[in-house]
Structures are given as C-alpha cells and as structure tokens.
Protein backbone atom coordinates (compact mmCIF):
# COMPACT_ATOMS: atom_id res chain seq x y z
CA UNK A 1 0.00 0.00 0.00
CA UNK A 2 1.12 3.57 -0.56
CA UNK A 3 2.20 5.84 2.26
CA UNK A 4 -0.25 8.81 2.50
CA UNK A 5 2.63 11.30 2.55
CA UNK A 6 4.02 9.83 -0.68
CA UNK A 7 0.62 10.15 -2.32
CA UNK A 8 0.32 13.79 -1.27
CA UNK A 9 3.84 14.61 -2.47
CA UNK A 10 3.26 12.82 -5.77
CA UNK A 11 -0.06 14.64 -6.22
CA UNK A 12 1.49 18.05 -5.59
CA UNK A 13 4.51 17.37 -7.80
CA UNK A 14 2.29 15.88 -10.51
CA UNK A 15 0.17 19.02 -10.57
CA UNK A 16 2.52 21.91 -9.73
CA UNK A 17 5.54 20.93 -11.83
CA UNK A 18 3.64 20.63 -15.16
CA UNK A 19 2.06 24.07 -14.72
CA UNK A 20 5.44 25.53 -13.72
CA UNK A 21 6.89 24.13 -16.96
CA UNK A 22 3.94 25.66 -18.82
CA UNK A 23 4.63 29.02 -17.17
CA UNK A 24 8.31 28.82 -18.19
CA UNK A 25 7.27 28.14 -21.78
CA UNK A 26 4.86 31.10 -21.55
CA UNK A 27 7.69 33.36 -20.31
CA UNK A 28 9.93 32.19 -23.14
CA UNK A 29 7.33 32.87 -25.86
CA UNK A 30 5.55 35.97 -24.53
CA UNK A 31 8.57 37.57 -22.81
CA UNK A 32 6.48 38.65 -19.81
CA UNK A 33 6.02 37.23 -16.32
CA UNK A 34 2.29 37.52 -15.69
CA UNK A 35 0.24 35.26 -17.97
CA UNK A 36 -3.14 36.79 -17.13
CA UNK A 37 -2.20 40.40 -17.81
CA UNK A 38 -3.03 41.23 -21.40
CA UNK A 39 -0.40 43.40 -23.12
CA UNK A 40 -1.39 47.01 -23.70
CA UNK A 41 0.28 46.97 -27.11
CA UNK A 42 -2.22 45.47 -29.53
CA UNK A 43 0.53 44.00 -31.74
CA UNK A 44 1.82 41.82 -28.87
CA UNK A 45 -1.55 40.30 -28.00
CA UNK A 46 -1.57 37.41 -30.51
CA UNK A 47 1.82 36.21 -29.25
CA UNK A 48 0.58 36.53 -25.66
CA UNK A 49 -2.54 34.52 -26.52
CA UNK A 50 -0.48 31.77 -28.17
CA UNK A 51 1.93 31.62 -25.22
CA UNK A 52 -0.94 31.45 -22.74
CA UNK A 53 -2.64 28.68 -24.72
CA UNK A 54 0.56 26.64 -25.04
CA UNK A 55 1.42 27.07 -21.36
CA UNK A 56 -2.01 25.99 -20.18
CA UNK A 57 -2.03 23.08 -22.62
CA UNK A 58 1.35 21.87 -21.40
CA UNK A 59 0.18 22.09 -17.80
CA UNK A 60 -3.08 20.29 -18.51
CA UNK A 61 -1.59 17.50 -20.60
CA UNK A 62 1.41 16.80 -18.38
CA UNK A 63 -0.67 16.74 -15.21
CA UNK A 64 -3.35 14.55 -16.80
CA UNK A 65 -3.40 11.09 -15.21
CA UNK A 66 -3.70 8.27 -17.69
CA UNK A 67 -4.99 5.28 -15.78
CA UNK A 68 -6.04 3.08 -18.68
CA UNK A 69 -2.43 2.36 -19.65
CA UNK A 70 -0.11 0.23 -17.54
CA UNK A 71 2.67 2.01 -15.66
CA UNK A 72 5.35 0.09 -17.52
CA UNK A 73 4.01 1.13 -20.94
CA UNK A 74 5.87 4.43 -21.22
CA UNK A 75 5.52 4.60 -25.00
CA UNK A 76 1.75 4.20 -24.71
CA UNK A 77 1.56 7.04 -22.18
CA UNK A 78 3.73 9.30 -24.33
CA UNK A 79 1.63 8.51 -27.40
CA UNK A 80 -1.65 9.25 -25.60
CA UNK A 81 -0.36 12.51 -24.11
CA UNK A 82 0.99 13.54 -27.52
CA UNK A 83 -2.42 12.91 -29.09
CA UNK A 84 -4.11 14.98 -26.36
CA UNK A 85 -1.53 17.75 -26.82
CA UNK A 86 -2.23 17.89 -30.55
CA UNK A 87 -6.00 17.85 -29.96
CA UNK A 88 -5.75 20.68 -27.40
CA UNK A 89 -3.31 22.74 -29.50
CA UNK A 90 -5.28 22.66 -32.76
CA UNK A 91 -8.05 25.10 -31.72
CA UNK A 92 -5.45 27.35 -30.07
CA UNK A 93 -3.33 27.55 -33.22
CA UNK A 94 -6.37 28.24 -35.38
CA UNK A 95 -7.54 30.96 -32.96
CA UNK A 96 -4.02 32.44 -32.87
CA UNK A 97 -3.88 32.60 -36.67
CA UNK A 98 -7.32 34.25 -36.91
CA UNK A 99 -6.52 36.68 -34.07
CA UNK A 100 -3.16 37.60 -35.61
CA UNK A 101 -4.77 38.33 -38.97
CA UNK A 102 -7.48 40.42 -37.28
CA UNK A 103 -4.93 42.45 -35.29
CA UNK A 104 -2.68 42.91 -38.33
CA UNK A 105 -5.64 44.12 -40.37
CA UNK A 106 -6.70 46.53 -37.61
CA UNK A 107 -3.18 47.92 -37.31
CA UNK A 108 -2.81 48.48 -41.06
CA UNK A 109 -6.25 50.13 -41.31
CA UNK A 110 -5.76 52.42 -38.31
CA UNK A 111 -2.08 53.21 -37.82
CA UNK A 112 -1.51 55.20 -34.66
C-alpha cells in the first residue's frame, strides 16, 4: 500500500511541476512574467494569446493522469499525451492565426 505522505507529495509534484513548466514556456514565448495580464500593445496580443494557450495546454496535458495504460508502458503514455496535446493545441493555433490576422488588419487600417 502507498504511504499517504508519498501520495500527497506525488499529487502536488504531478500538478505543480507541469504548470510551472507551462509558465516557463509562456515566459519564453511571450517575454512577460504575468500570464493573465493582457499586453497594452495590440501588436503583442496574438503572441501573448499563443503563449498562454501553449502554457495551459502543457500544464493540462502533463498533469493529466492516464490510468487506462499500464505504468510500464511508457511509450503508450507518451503517445496518448501527444495525441491529447495535438488535440488541445489545434483550436489554439487556429484561434491564434485568426486573431493575428485580425490584429494585423486593424493595425494596417488604423495606424496610430
């Protein structure tokens, strides 16, 4: 049987570490520390949106428990998490592309 302290530590590490990695990826892409503060410069918002989406997706997918696959089947776990990552990233990439085009069009029509 598992020790309750080990279960708590594993639960915290399994949840906090993936979102910390997602935040680091956000910082690398968006070049800002606070993910929920929208940039005031309109031209930086699509990049911020993409970074936020990728960071949250990384956190969600890495912290997602996959109980239908045996512990020893590492390749199966990696394959399932990769599929989920692709499924979660697709709407974000489409939204980023649409948002970027919309912002670019707004900037070219109304230069300030």
